[in-house]
All heavy atoms as atom14 arrays in JSON, in Angstrom:
{
  "sequence": "NEVDPAVLLKDAKKNAPLVKKHKKHRIWP",
  "atom14_mask": [
    [1, 1, 1, 1, 1, 1, 1, 1, 0, 0, 0, 0, 0, 0],
    [1, 1, 1, 1, 1, 1, 1, 1, 1, 0, 0, 0, 0, 0],
    [1, 1, 1, 1, 1, 1, 1, 0, 0, 0, 0, 0, 0, 0],
    [1, 1, 1, 1, 1, 1, 1, 1, 0, 0, 0, 0, 0, 0],
    [1, 1, 1, 1, 1, 1, 1, 0, 0, 0, 0, 0, 0, 0],
    [1, 1, 1, 1, 1, 0, 0, 0, 0, 0, 0, 0, 0, 0],
    [1, 1, 1, 1, 1, 1, 1, 0, 0, 0, 0, 0, 0, 0],
    [1, 1, 1, 1, 1, 1, 1, 1, 0, 0, 0, 0, 0, 0],
    [1, 1, 1, 1, 1, 1, 1, 1, 0, 0, 0, 0, 0, 0],
    [1, 1, 1, 1, 1, 1, 1, 1, 1, 0, 0, 0, 0, 0],
    [1, 1, 1, 1, 1, 1, 1, 1, 0, 0, 0, 0, 0, 0],
    [1, 1, 1, 1, 1, 0, 0, 0, 0, 0, 0, 0, 0, 0],
    [1, 1, 1, 1, 1, 1, 1, 1, 1, 0, 0, 0, 0, 0],
    [1, 1, 1, 1, 1, 1, 1, 1, 1, 0, 0, 0, 0, 0],
    [1, 1, 1, 1, 1, 1, 1, 1, 0, 0, 0, 0, 0, 0],
    [1, 1, 1, 1, 1, 0, 0, 0, 0, 0, 0, 0, 0, 0],
    [1, 1, 1, 1, 1, 1, 1, 0, 0, 0, 0, 0, 0, 0],
    [1, 1, 1, 1, 1, 1, 1, 1, 0, 0, 0, 0, 0, 0],
    [1, 1, 1, 1, 1, 1, 1, 0, 0, 0, 0, 0, 0, 0],
    [1, 1, 1, 1, 1, 1, 1, 1, 1, 0, 0, 0, 0, 0],
    [1, 1, 1, 1, 1, 1, 1, 1, 1, 0, 0, 0, 0, 0],
    [1, 1, 1, 1, 1, 1, 1, 1, 1, 1, 0, 0, 0, 0],
    [1, 1, 1, 1, 1, 1, 1, 1, 1, 0, 0, 0, 0, 0],
    [1, 1, 1, 1, 1, 1, 1, 1, 1, 0, 0, 0, 0, 0],
    [1, 1, 1, 1, 1, 1, 1, 1, 1, 1, 0, 0, 0, 0],
    [1, 1, 1, 1, 1, 1, 1, 1, 1, 1, 1, 0, 0, 0],
    [1, 1, 1, 1, 1, 1, 1, 1, 0, 0, 0, 0, 0, 0],
    [1, 1, 1, 1, 1, 1, 1, 1, 1, 1, 1, 1, 1, 1],
    [1, 1, 1, 1, 1, 1, 1, 0, 0, 0, 0, 0, 0, 0]
  ],
  "atom14_positions": [
    [[30.89, 5.91, 8.45], [30.12, 4.8, 7.87], [29.93, 4.94, 6.37], [29.04, 4.34, 5.79], [28.75, 4.7, 8.54], [28.9, 4.4, 10.03], [29.72, 3.59, 10.42], [28.11, 5.09, 10.84], [0.0, 0.0, 0.0], [0.0, 0.0, 0.0], [0.0, 0.0, 0.0], [0.0, 0.0, 0.0], [0.0, 0.0, 0.0], [0.0, 0.0, 0.0]],
    [[30.76, 5.79, 5.71], [30.61, 5.95, 4.27], [30.93, 4.63, 3.56], [31.86, 3.92, 3.93], [31.54, 7.06, 3.77], [31.1, 8.44, 4.23], [32.05, 9.51, 3.75], [33.13, 9.15, 3.25], [31.73, 10.7, 3.9], [0.0, 0.0, 0.0], [0.0, 0.0, 0.0], [0.0, 0.0, 0.0], [0.0, 0.0, 0.0], [0.0, 0.0, 0.0]],
    [[30.15, 4.29, 2.51], [30.34, 3.05, 1.77], [30.57, 3.37, 0.31], [29.93, 4.25, -0.25], [29.1, 2.12, 1.91], [29.32, 0.82, 1.15], [28.84, 1.83, 3.38], [0.0, 0.0, 0.0], [0.0, 0.0, 0.0], [0.0, 0.0, 0.0], [0.0, 0.0, 0.0], [0.0, 0.0, 0.0], [0.0, 0.0, 0.0], [0.0, 0.0, 0.0]],
    [[31.47, 2.68, -0.31], [31.77, 2.86, -1.73], [30.54, 2.49, -2.56], [30.04, 1.37, -2.48], [32.95, 1.98, -2.11], [33.47, 2.3, -3.5], [32.72, 2.91, -4.27], [34.62, 1.94, -3.79], [0.0, 0.0, 0.0], [0.0, 0.0, 0.0], [0.0, 0.0, 0.0], [0.0, 0.0, 0.0], [0.0, 0.0, 0.0], [0.0, 0.0, 0.0]],
    [[30.03, 3.43, -3.39], [28.85, 3.13, -4.22], [29.08, 1.92, -5.12], [28.13, 1.19, -5.42], [28.68, 4.42, -5.05], [29.33, 5.48, -4.23], [30.46, 4.81, -3.56], [0.0, 0.0, 0.0], [0.0, 0.0, 0.0], [0.0, 0.0, 0.0], [0.0, 0.0, 0.0], [0.0, 0.0, 0.0], [0.0, 0.0, 0.0], [0.0, 0.0, 0.0]],
    [[30.31, 1.7, -5.55], [30.59, 0.55, -6.43], [30.32, -0.75, -5.71], [29.84, -1.74, -6.31], [32.04, 0.6, -6.89], [0.0, 0.0, 0.0], [0.0, 0.0, 0.0], [0.0, 0.0, 0.0], [0.0, 0.0, 0.0], [0.0, 0.0, 0.0], [0.0, 0.0, 0.0], [0.0, 0.0, 0.0], [0.0, 0.0, 0.0], [0.0, 0.0, 0.0]],
    [[30.6, -0.8, -4.4], [30.33, -2.0, -3.61], [28.84, -2.26, -3.53], [28.37, -3.39, -3.66], [30.94, -1.86, -2.21], [30.59, -3.07, -1.34], [32.45, -1.7, -2.31], [0.0, 0.0, 0.0], [0.0, 0.0, 0.0], [0.0, 0.0, 0.0], [0.0, 0.0, 0.0], [0.0, 0.0, 0.0], [0.0, 0.0, 0.0], [0.0, 0.0, 0.0]],
    [[28.05, -1.19, -3.31], [26.6, -1.34, -3.24], [26.03, -1.87, -4.55], [25.15, -2.72, -4.58], [25.96, 0.01, -2.9], [26.21, 0.54, -1.48], [25.56, 1.9, -1.34], [25.65, -0.41, -0.44], [0.0, 0.0, 0.0], [0.0, 0.0, 0.0], [0.0, 0.0, 0.0], [0.0, 0.0, 0.0], [0.0, 0.0, 0.0], [0.0, 0.0, 0.0]],
    [[26.55, -1.35, -5.68], [26.06, -1.76, -6.99], [26.37, -3.23, -7.23], [25.55, -4.0, -7.74], [26.71, -0.9, -8.07], [26.29, -1.2, -9.51], [24.79, -0.97, -9.66], [27.05, -0.31, -10.49], [0.0, 0.0, 0.0], [0.0, 0.0, 0.0], [0.0, 0.0, 0.0], [0.0, 0.0, 0.0], [0.0, 0.0, 0.0], [0.0, 0.0, 0.0]],
    [[27.59, -3.63, -6.81], [28.0, -5.03, -6.98], [27.09, -5.95, -6.19], [26.65, -7.01, -6.67], [29.45, -5.19, -6.54], [30.01, -6.6, -6.73], [31.46, -6.63, -6.31], [32.02, -8.05, -6.48], [33.45, -8.11, -6.07], [0.0, 0.0, 0.0], [0.0, 0.0, 0.0], [0.0, 0.0, 0.0], [0.0, 0.0, 0.0], [0.0, 0.0, 0.0]],
    [[26.78, -5.55, -4.94], [25.89, -6.37, -4.1], [24.5, -6.44, -4.69], [23.84, -7.48, -4.63], [25.83, -5.78, -2.68], [27.14, -5.99, -1.94], [27.95, -6.82, -2.4], [27.35, -5.3, -0.92], [0.0, 0.0, 0.0], [0.0, 0.0, 0.0], [0.0, 0.0, 0.0], [0.0, 0.0, 0.0], [0.0, 0.0, 0.0], [0.0, 0.0, 0.0]],
    [[24.02, -5.34, -5.27], [22.68, -5.32, -5.85], [22.57, -6.3, -7.01], [21.6, -7.02, -7.16], [22.33, -3.91, -6.3], [0.0, 0.0, 0.0], [0.0, 0.0, 0.0], [0.0, 0.0, 0.0], [0.0, 0.0, 0.0], [0.0, 0.0, 0.0], [0.0, 0.0, 0.0], [0.0, 0.0, 0.0], [0.0, 0.0, 0.0], [0.0, 0.0, 0.0]],
    [[23.62, -6.29, -7.86], [23.61, -7.2, -9.01], [23.68, -8.65, -8.56], [23.07, -9.54, -9.14], [24.8, -6.87, -9.91], [24.64, -5.56, -10.67], [25.84, -5.31, -11.54], [25.64, -4.02, -12.33], [26.83, -3.74, -13.19], [0.0, 0.0, 0.0], [0.0, 0.0, 0.0], [0.0, 0.0, 0.0], [0.0, 0.0, 0.0], [0.0, 0.0, 0.0]],
    [[24.45, -8.88, -7.52], [24.62, -10.24, -7.01], [23.31, -10.81, -6.5], [23.0, -11.99, -6.67], [25.67, -10.22, -5.9], [25.96, -11.59, -5.29], [27.03, -11.46, -4.22], [27.29, -12.82, -3.56], [28.3, -12.72, -2.51], [0.0, 0.0, 0.0], [0.0, 0.0, 0.0], [0.0, 0.0, 0.0], [0.0, 0.0, 0.0], [0.0, 0.0, 0.0]],
    [[22.5, -9.99, -5.88], [21.25, -10.45, -5.27], [20.05, -10.31, -6.19], [18.94, -10.69, -5.82], [20.98, -9.68, -3.98], [22.06, -9.96, -2.93], [22.56, -11.07, -2.84], [22.42, -8.94, -2.17], [0.0, 0.0, 0.0], [0.0, 0.0, 0.0], [0.0, 0.0, 0.0], [0.0, 0.0, 0.0], [0.0, 0.0, 0.0], [0.0, 0.0, 0.0]],
    [[20.27, -9.75, -7.35], [19.14, -9.5, -8.26], [18.34, -10.75, -8.6], [17.12, -10.72, -8.64], [19.64, -8.83, -9.53], [0.0, 0.0, 0.0], [0.0, 0.0, 0.0], [0.0, 0.0, 0.0], [0.0, 0.0, 0.0], [0.0, 0.0, 0.0], [0.0, 0.0, 0.0], [0.0, 0.0, 0.0], [0.0, 0.0, 0.0], [0.0, 0.0, 0.0]],
    [[19.0, -11.91, -8.89], [18.2, -13.11, -9.26], [17.26, -13.56, -8.17], [16.31, -14.29, -8.44], [19.29, -14.16, -9.5], [20.51, -13.37, -9.83], [20.43, -12.15, -9.0], [0.0, 0.0, 0.0], [0.0, 0.0, 0.0], [0.0, 0.0, 0.0], [0.0, 0.0, 0.0], [0.0, 0.0, 0.0], [0.0, 0.0, 0.0], [0.0, 0.0, 0.0]],
    [[17.48, -13.18, -6.94], [16.62, -13.61, -5.85], [15.31, -12.87, -5.83], [14.38, -13.27, -5.13], [17.35, -13.41, -4.52], [18.68, -14.2, -4.37], [19.33, -13.86, -3.03], [18.42, -15.71, -4.5], [0.0, 0.0, 0.0], [0.0, 0.0, 0.0], [0.0, 0.0, 0.0], [0.0, 0.0, 0.0], [0.0, 0.0, 0.0], [0.0, 0.0, 0.0]],
    [[15.21, -11.77, -6.57], [13.99, -10.96, -6.56], [13.01, -11.51, -7.58], [13.34, -11.66, -8.75], [14.32, -9.5, -6.89], [13.04, -8.68, -6.88], [15.32, -8.95, -5.89], [0.0, 0.0, 0.0], [0.0, 0.0, 0.0], [0.0, 0.0, 0.0], [0.0, 0.0, 0.0], [0.0, 0.0, 0.0], [0.0, 0.0, 0.0], [0.0, 0.0, 0.0]],
    [[11.81, -11.81, -7.12], [10.77, -12.31, -8.0], [10.05, -11.16, -8.65], [9.68, -10.21, -7.99], [9.76, -13.16, -7.21], [10.37, -14.43, -6.65], [9.31, -15.25, -5.94], [9.9, -16.55, -5.38], [8.9, -17.38, -4.7], [0.0, 0.0, 0.0], [0.0, 0.0, 0.0], [0.0, 0.0, 0.0], [0.0, 0.0, 0.0], [0.0, 0.0, 0.0]],
    [[9.92, -11.22, -9.96], [9.28, -10.15, -10.7], [7.81, -10.49, -10.89], [7.46, -11.43, -11.57], [9.95, -9.99, -12.08], [11.42, -9.58, -11.96], [12.03, -9.41, -13.33], [13.49, -9.01, -13.23], [14.12, -8.85, -14.55], [0.0, 0.0, 0.0], [0.0, 0.0, 0.0], [0.0, 0.0, 0.0], [0.0, 0.0, 0.0], [0.0, 0.0, 0.0]],
    [[6.97, -9.72, -10.26], [5.53, -9.88, -10.38], [4.98, -8.73, -11.18], [5.43, -7.6, -11.08], [4.86, -9.91, -8.99], [5.35, -11.09, -8.17], [4.97, -12.37, -8.41], [6.19, -11.13, -7.09], [5.55, -13.2, -7.54], [6.3, -12.44, -6.73], [0.0, 0.0, 0.0], [0.0, 0.0, 0.0], [0.0, 0.0, 0.0], [0.0, 0.0, 0.0]],
    [[4.0, -8.99, -11.98], [3.41, -7.96, -12.82], [2.84, -6.82, -12.02], [2.85, -5.68, -12.44], [2.31, -8.58, -13.7], [2.85, -9.49, -14.78], [1.72, -9.99, -15.66], [2.25, -10.9, -16.77], [1.15, -11.38, -17.66], [0.0, 0.0, 0.0], [0.0, 0.0, 0.0], [0.0, 0.0, 0.0], [0.0, 0.0, 0.0], [0.0, 0.0, 0.0]],
    [[2.35, -7.1, -10.81], [1.7, -6.04, -10.03], [2.7, -4.98, -9.57], [2.32, -3.86, -9.26], [0.97, -6.62, -8.82], [1.89, -7.3, -7.8], [1.07, -7.83, -6.64], [1.95, -8.52, -5.59], [1.14, -9.02, -4.46], [0.0, 0.0, 0.0], [0.0, 0.0, 0.0], [0.0, 0.0, 0.0], [0.0, 0.0, 0.0], [0.0, 0.0, 0.0]],
    [[4.0, -5.38, -9.57], [5.0, -4.39, -9.16], [5.17, -3.3, -10.2], [5.66, -2.23, -9.9], [6.34, -5.09, -8.93], [6.34, -5.96, -7.7], [7.32, -6.91, -7.48], [5.49, -6.03, -6.64], [7.08, -7.53, -6.33], [5.96, -7.02, -5.81], [0.0, 0.0, 0.0], [0.0, 0.0, 0.0], [0.0, 0.0, 0.0], [0.0, 0.0, 0.0]],
    [[4.78, -3.6, -11.46], [4.99, -2.61, -12.51], [4.07, -1.4, -12.4], [4.26, -0.41, -13.08], [4.76, -3.28, -13.88], [5.79, -4.36, -14.17], [5.49, -5.03, -15.48], [6.43, -6.12, -15.73], [6.35, -6.95, -16.76], [5.35, -6.82, -17.63], [7.25, -7.89, -16.93], [0.0, 0.0, 0.0], [0.0, 0.0, 0.0], [0.0, 0.0, 0.0]],
    [[3.05, -1.45, -11.55], [2.13, -0.32, -11.4], [2.7, 0.8, -10.55], [2.28, 1.95, -10.64], [0.78, -0.82, -10.8], [-0.3, 0.23, -11.04], [0.95, -1.11, -9.3], [-1.68, -0.26, -10.66], [0.0, 0.0, 0.0], [0.0, 0.0, 0.0], [0.0, 0.0, 0.0], [0.0, 0.0, 0.0], [0.0, 0.0, 0.0], [0.0, 0.0, 0.0]],
    [[3.7, 0.46, -9.71], [4.25, 1.47, -8.78], [4.87, 2.67, -9.47], [4.69, 3.81, -9.03], [5.26, 0.81, -7.83], [4.56, 0.03, -6.75], [4.48, -1.31, -6.63], [3.82, 0.58, -5.67], [3.74, -1.67, -5.54], [3.32, -0.5, -4.91], [3.51, 1.88, -5.24], [2.56, -0.33, -3.77], [2.75, 2.04, -4.11], [2.28, 0.95, -3.38]],
    [[5.62, 2.49, -10.56], [6.15, 3.69, -11.23], [5.08, 4.66, -11.67], [5.28, 5.88, -11.62], [6.92, 3.11, -12.43], [7.3, 1.73, -11.98], [6.14, 1.25, -11.17], [0.0, 0.0, 0.0], [0.0, 0.0, 0.0], [0.0, 0.0, 0.0], [0.0, 0.0, 0.0], [0.0, 0.0, 0.0], [0.0, 0.0, 0.0], [0.0, 0.0, 0.0]]
  ]
}
């Protein structure tokens, strides 16, 4: 079940606009 890391990165970038950025998320780091 090994997956190419490049494929994962591509999928992450593709779906990035769907993520809503809320200020409260910035406290987690």
